[in-house]
Amino acid sequence: MPVLRVTELHRRWARRRKLAQLRRKYRAAKTPEEKAKILAKAARVSPTAKID
């Protein structure tokens, strides 16, 4: 595969893993402040992703 395609795939996989981690943290968060902070981070990682 071309290098650009491999790089794109690695980014996609990393983004997917990071969003899964943030979803777990969001479900475990107790306070609204924690949830808001996690949502802000998720929006930076992937602006169109749905967390809740």
PDB file of N, CA and C in Angstrom:
ATOM      1  N   MET A   1       0.836  -1.182   0.000  1.00  0.00           N
ATOM      2  CA  MET A   1       0.000   0.000   0.000  1.00  0.00           C
ATOM      3  C   MET A   1       0.877   1.241   0.000  1.00  0.00           C
ATOM      4  N   PRO A   2       0.397   2.289  -0.622  1.00  0.00           N
ATOM      5  CA  PRO A   2       1.145   3.544  -0.579  1.00  0.00           C
ATOM      6  C   PRO A   2       1.252   4.071   0.852  1.00  0.00           C
ATOM      7  N   VAL A   3       2.307   4.812   1.085  1.00  0.00           N
ATOM      8  CA  VAL A   3       2.589   5.309   2.431  1.00  0.00           C
ATOM      9  C   VAL A   3       1.453   6.206   2.940  1.00  0.00           C
ATOM     10  N   LEU A   4       0.897   7.053   2.098  1.00  0.00           N
ATOM     11  CA  LEU A   4      -0.174   7.946   2.546  1.00  0.00           C
ATOM     12  C   LEU A   4      -1.398   7.165   3.002  1.00  0.00           C
ATOM     13  N   ARG A   5      -1.709   6.103   2.325  1.00  0.00           N
ATOM     14  CA  ARG A   5      -2.859   5.281   2.700  1.00  0.00           C
ATOM     15  C   ARG A   5      -2.613   4.619   4.053  1.00  0.00           C
ATOM     16  N   VAL A   6      -1.419   4.117   4.264  1.00  0.00           N
ATOM     17  CA  VAL A   6      -1.085   3.481   5.536  1.00  0.00           C
ATOM     18  C   VAL A   6      -1.163   4.505   6.665  1.00  0.00           C
ATOM     19  N   THR A   7      -0.654   5.690   6.428  1.00  0.00           N
ATOM     20  CA  THR A   7      -0.710   6.757   7.430  1.00  0.00           C
ATOM     21  C   THR A   7      -2.152   7.101   7.753  1.00  0.00           C
ATOM     22  N   GLU A   8      -2.986   7.201   6.743  1.00  0.00           N
ATOM     23  CA  GLU A   8      -4.405   7.498   6.947  1.00  0.00           C
ATOM     24  C   GLU A   8      -5.077   6.402   7.775  1.00  0.00           C
ATOM     25  N   LEU A   9      -4.760   5.162   7.475  1.00  0.00           N
ATOM     26  CA  LEU A   9      -5.350   4.052   8.222  1.00  0.00           C
ATOM     27  C   LEU A   9      -4.908   4.067   9.681  1.00  0.00           C
ATOM     28  N   HIS A  10      -3.638   4.333   9.930  1.00  0.00           N
ATOM     29  CA  HIS A  10      -3.148   4.401  11.307  1.00  0.00           C
ATOM     30  C   HIS A  10      -3.854   5.510  12.077  1.00  0.00           C
ATOM     31  N   ARG A  11      -4.040   6.659  11.439  1.00  0.00           N
ATOM     32  CA  ARG A  11      -4.764   7.754  12.095  1.00  0.00           C
ATOM     33  C   ARG A  11      -6.192   7.345  12.418  1.00  0.00           C
ATOM     34  N   ARG A  12      -6.843   6.687  11.472  1.00  0.00           N
ATOM     35  CA  ARG A  12      -8.227   6.260  11.675  1.00  0.00           C
ATOM     36  C   ARG A  12      -8.326   5.271  12.831  1.00  0.00           C
ATOM     37  N   TRP A  13      -7.398   4.298  12.877  1.00  0.00           N
ATOM     38  CA  TRP A  13      -7.416   3.309  13.951  1.00  0.00           C
ATOM     39  C   TRP A  13      -7.163   3.969  15.302  1.00  0.00           C
ATOM     40  N   ALA A  14      -6.214   4.898  15.335  1.00  0.00           N
ATOM     41  CA  ALA A  14      -5.908   5.593  16.591  1.00  0.00           C
ATOM     42  C   ALA A  14      -7.102   6.423  17.048  1.00  0.00           C
ATOM     43  N   ARG A  15      -7.754   7.081  16.115  1.00  0.00           N
ATOM     44  CA  ARG A  15      -8.931   7.893  16.450  1.00  0.00           C
ATOM     45  C   ARG A  15     -10.048   7.003  16.998  1.00  0.00           C
ATOM     46  N   ARG A  16     -10.238   5.857  16.398  1.00  0.00           N
ATOM     47  CA  ARG A  16     -11.277   4.929  16.851  1.00  0.00           C
ATOM     48  C   ARG A  16     -10.986   4.426  18.258  1.00  0.00           C
ATOM     49  N   ARG A  17      -9.707   4.074  18.526  1.00  0.00           N
ATOM     50  CA  ARG A  17      -9.323   3.632  19.870  1.00  0.00           C
ATOM     51  C   ARG A  17      -9.513   4.745  20.892  1.00  0.00           C
ATOM     52  N   LYS A  18      -9.124   5.967  20.531  1.00  0.00           N
ATOM     53  CA  LYS A  18      -9.244   7.101  21.440  1.00  0.00           C
ATOM     54  C   LYS A  18     -10.708   7.402  21.749  1.00  0.00           C
ATOM     55  N   LEU A  19     -11.569   7.350  20.739  1.00  0.00           N
ATOM     56  CA  LEU A  19     -12.989   7.600  20.973  1.00  0.00           C
ATOM     57  C   LEU A  19     -13.601   6.507  21.846  1.00  0.00           C
ATOM     58  N   ALA A  20     -13.190   5.276  21.672  1.00  0.00           N
ATOM     59  CA  ALA A  20     -13.686   4.191  22.516  1.00  0.00           C
ATOM     60  C   ALA A  20     -13.283   4.434  23.969  1.00  0.00           C
ATOM     61  N   GLN A  21     -12.056   4.895  24.164  1.00  0.00           N
ATOM     62  CA  GLN A  21     -11.575   5.208  25.503  1.00  0.00           C
ATOM     63  C   GLN A  21     -12.389   6.355  26.105  1.00  0.00           C
ATOM     64  N   LEU A  22     -12.645   7.395  25.315  1.00  0.00           N
ATOM     65  CA  LEU A  22     -13.406   8.532  25.809  1.00  0.00           C
ATOM     66  C   LEU A  22     -14.852   8.149  26.100  1.00  0.00           C
ATOM     67  N   ARG A  23     -15.438   7.254  25.319  1.00  0.00           N
ATOM     68  CA  ARG A  23     -16.804   6.792  25.592  1.00  0.00           C
ATOM     69  C   ARG A  23     -16.866   6.041  26.925  1.00  0.00           C
ATOM     70  N   ARG A  24     -15.856   5.207  27.182  1.00  0.00           N
ATOM     71  CA  ARG A  24     -15.810   4.493  28.468  1.00  0.00           C
ATOM     72  C   ARG A  24     -15.707   5.486  29.622  1.00  0.00           C
ATOM     73  N   LYS A  25     -14.834   6.479  29.480  1.00  0.00           N
ATOM     74  CA  LYS A  25     -14.675   7.482  30.527  1.00  0.00           C
ATOM     75  C   LYS A  25     -15.954   8.292  30.719  1.00  0.00           C
ATOM     76  N   TYR A  26     -16.643   8.593  29.621  1.00  0.00           N
ATOM     77  CA  TYR A  26     -17.880   9.369  29.693  1.00  0.00           C
ATOM     78  C   TYR A  26     -18.942   8.588  30.470  1.00  0.00           C
ATOM     79  N   ARG A  27     -19.064   7.294  30.187  1.00  0.00           N
ATOM     80  CA  ARG A  27     -20.054   6.479  30.894  1.00  0.00           C
ATOM     81  C   ARG A  27     -19.717   6.364  32.381  1.00  0.00           C
ATOM     82  N   ALA A  28     -18.431   6.387  32.723  1.00  0.00           N
ATOM     83  CA  ALA A  28     -18.012   6.261  34.117  1.00  0.00           C
ATOM     84  C   ALA A  28     -18.023   7.601  34.854  1.00  0.00           C
ATOM     85  N   ALA A  29     -18.096   8.712  34.127  1.00  0.00           N
ATOM     86  CA  ALA A  29     -18.035  10.038  34.754  1.00  0.00           C
ATOM     87  C   ALA A  29     -19.267  10.270  35.623  1.00  0.00           C
ATOM     88  N   LYS A  30     -19.038  10.882  36.760  1.00  0.00           N
ATOM     89  CA  LYS A  30     -20.117  11.121  37.710  1.00  0.00           C
ATOM     90  C   LYS A  30     -20.690  12.533  37.595  1.00  0.00           C
ATOM     91  N   THR A  31     -19.821  13.520  37.477  1.00  0.00           N
ATOM     92  CA  THR A  31     -20.280  14.914  37.523  1.00  0.00           C
ATOM     93  C   THR A  31     -20.474  15.484  36.126  1.00  0.00           C
ATOM     94  N   PRO A  32     -21.338  16.464  35.995  1.00  0.00           N
ATOM     95  CA  PRO A  32     -21.518  17.132  34.697  1.00  0.00           C
ATOM     96  C   PRO A  32     -20.239  17.813  34.196  1.00  0.00           C
ATOM     97  N   GLU A  33     -19.401  18.289  35.134  1.00  0.00           N
ATOM     98  CA  GLU A  33     -18.138  18.928  34.730  1.00  0.00           C
ATOM     99  C   GLU A  33     -17.210  17.928  34.049  1.00  0.00           C
ATOM    100  N   GLU A  34     -17.134  16.723  34.626  1.00  0.00           N
ATOM    101  CA  GLU A  34     -16.315  15.671  34.017  1.00  0.00           C
ATOM    102  C   GLU A  34     -16.828  15.331  32.618  1.00  0.00           C
ATOM    103  N   LYS A  35     -18.141  15.178  32.508  1.00  0.00           N
ATOM    104  CA  LYS A  35     -18.733  14.826  31.222  1.00  0.00           C
ATOM    105  C   LYS A  35     -18.490  15.913  30.183  1.00  0.00           C
ATOM    106  N   ALA A  36     -18.602  17.172  30.582  1.00  0.00           N
ATOM    107  CA  ALA A  36     -18.368  18.278  29.655  1.00  0.00           C
ATOM    108  C   ALA A  36     -16.919  18.292  29.173  1.00  0.00           C
ATOM    109  N   LYS A  37     -15.993  18.017  30.088  1.00  0.00           N
ATOM    110  CA  LYS A  37     -14.573  17.993  29.719  1.00  0.00           C
ATOM    111  C   LYS A  37     -14.295  16.873  28.723  1.00  0.00           C
ATOM    112  N   ILE A  38     -14.899  15.708  28.941  1.00  0.00           N
ATOM    113  CA  ILE A  38     -14.701  14.567  28.048  1.00  0.00           C
ATOM    114  C   ILE A  38     -15.328  14.843  26.686  1.00  0.00           C
ATOM    115  N   LEU A  39     -16.508  15.464  26.664  1.00  0.00           N
ATOM    116  CA  LEU A  39     -17.145  15.817  25.393  1.00  0.00           C
ATOM    117  C   LEU A  39     -16.291  16.799  24.593  1.00  0.00           C
ATOM    118  N   ALA A  40     -15.683  17.767  25.284  1.00  0.00           N
ATOM    119  CA  ALA A  40     -14.817  18.742  24.604  1.00  0.00           C
ATOM    120  C   ALA A  40     -13.608  18.042  23.986  1.00  0.00           C
ATOM    121  N   LYS A  41     -13.025  17.109  24.715  1.00  0.00           N
ATOM    122  CA  LYS A  41     -11.867  16.376  24.197  1.00  0.00           C
ATOM    123  C   LYS A  41     -12.263  15.519  23.000  1.00  0.00           C
ATOM    124  N   ALA A  42     -13.433  14.878  23.091  1.00  0.00           N
ATOM    125  CA  ALA A  42     -13.904  14.046  21.990  1.00  0.00           C
ATOM    126  C   ALA A  42     -14.173  14.892  20.743  1.00  0.00           C
ATOM    127  N   ALA A  43     -14.664  16.102  20.922  1.00  0.00           N
ATOM    128  CA  ALA A  43     -14.916  16.985  19.788  1.00  0.00           C
ATOM    129  C   ALA A  43     -13.609  17.391  19.111  1.00  0.00           C
ATOM    130  N   ARG A  44     -12.536  17.497  19.877  1.00  0.00           N
ATOM    131  CA  ARG A  44     -11.237  17.808  19.270  1.00  0.00           C
ATOM    132  C   ARG A  44     -10.711  16.614  18.478  1.00  0.00           C
ATOM    133  N   VAL A  45     -10.930  15.409  19.000  1.00  0.00           N
ATOM    134  CA  VAL A  45     -10.448  14.198  18.333  1.00  0.00           C
ATOM    135  C   VAL A  45     -11.228  13.955  17.051  1.00  0.00           C
ATOM    136  N   SER A  46     -12.567  14.052  17.149  1.00  0.00           N
ATOM    137  CA  SER A  46     -13.425  13.798  15.988  1.00  0.00           C
ATOM    138  C   SER A  46     -14.689  14.647  16.133  1.00  0.00           C
ATOM    139  N   PRO A  47     -14.773  15.773  15.433  1.00  0.00           N
ATOM    140  CA  PRO A  47     -15.875  16.715  15.623  1.00  0.00           C
ATOM    141  C   PRO A  47     -17.262  16.134  15.335  1.00  0.00           C
ATOM    142  N   THR A  48     -17.374  15.129  14.500  1.00  0.00           N
ATOM    143  CA  THR A  48     -18.691  14.618  14.143  1.00  0.00           C
ATOM    144  C   THR A  48     -19.096  13.385  14.944  1.00  0.00           C
ATOM    145  N   ALA A  49     -18.246  12.899  15.829  1.00  0.00           N
ATOM    146  CA  ALA A  49     -18.528  11.685  16.594  1.00  0.00           C
ATOM    147  C   ALA A  49     -19.606  11.939  17.630  1.00  0.00           C
ATOM    148  N   LYS A  50     -20.408  10.913  17.876  1.00  0.00           N
ATOM    149  CA  LYS A  50     -21.425  10.954  18.919  1.00  0.00           C
ATOM    150  C   LYS A  50     -20.905  10.185  20.126  1.00  0.00           C
ATOM    151  N   ILE A  51     -20.928  10.811  21.280  1.00  0.00           N
ATOM    152  CA  ILE A  51     -20.417  10.178  22.474  1.00  0.00           C
ATOM    153  C   ILE A  51     -21.552   9.643  23.343  1.00  0.00           C
ATOM    154  N   ASP A  52     -22.564  10.454  23.586  1.00  0.00           N
ATOM    155  CA  ASP A  52     -23.640  10.021  24.469  1.00  0.00           C
ATOM    156  C   ASP A  52     -24.804   9.442  23.724  1.00  0.00           C
TER     157      ASP A  52
END
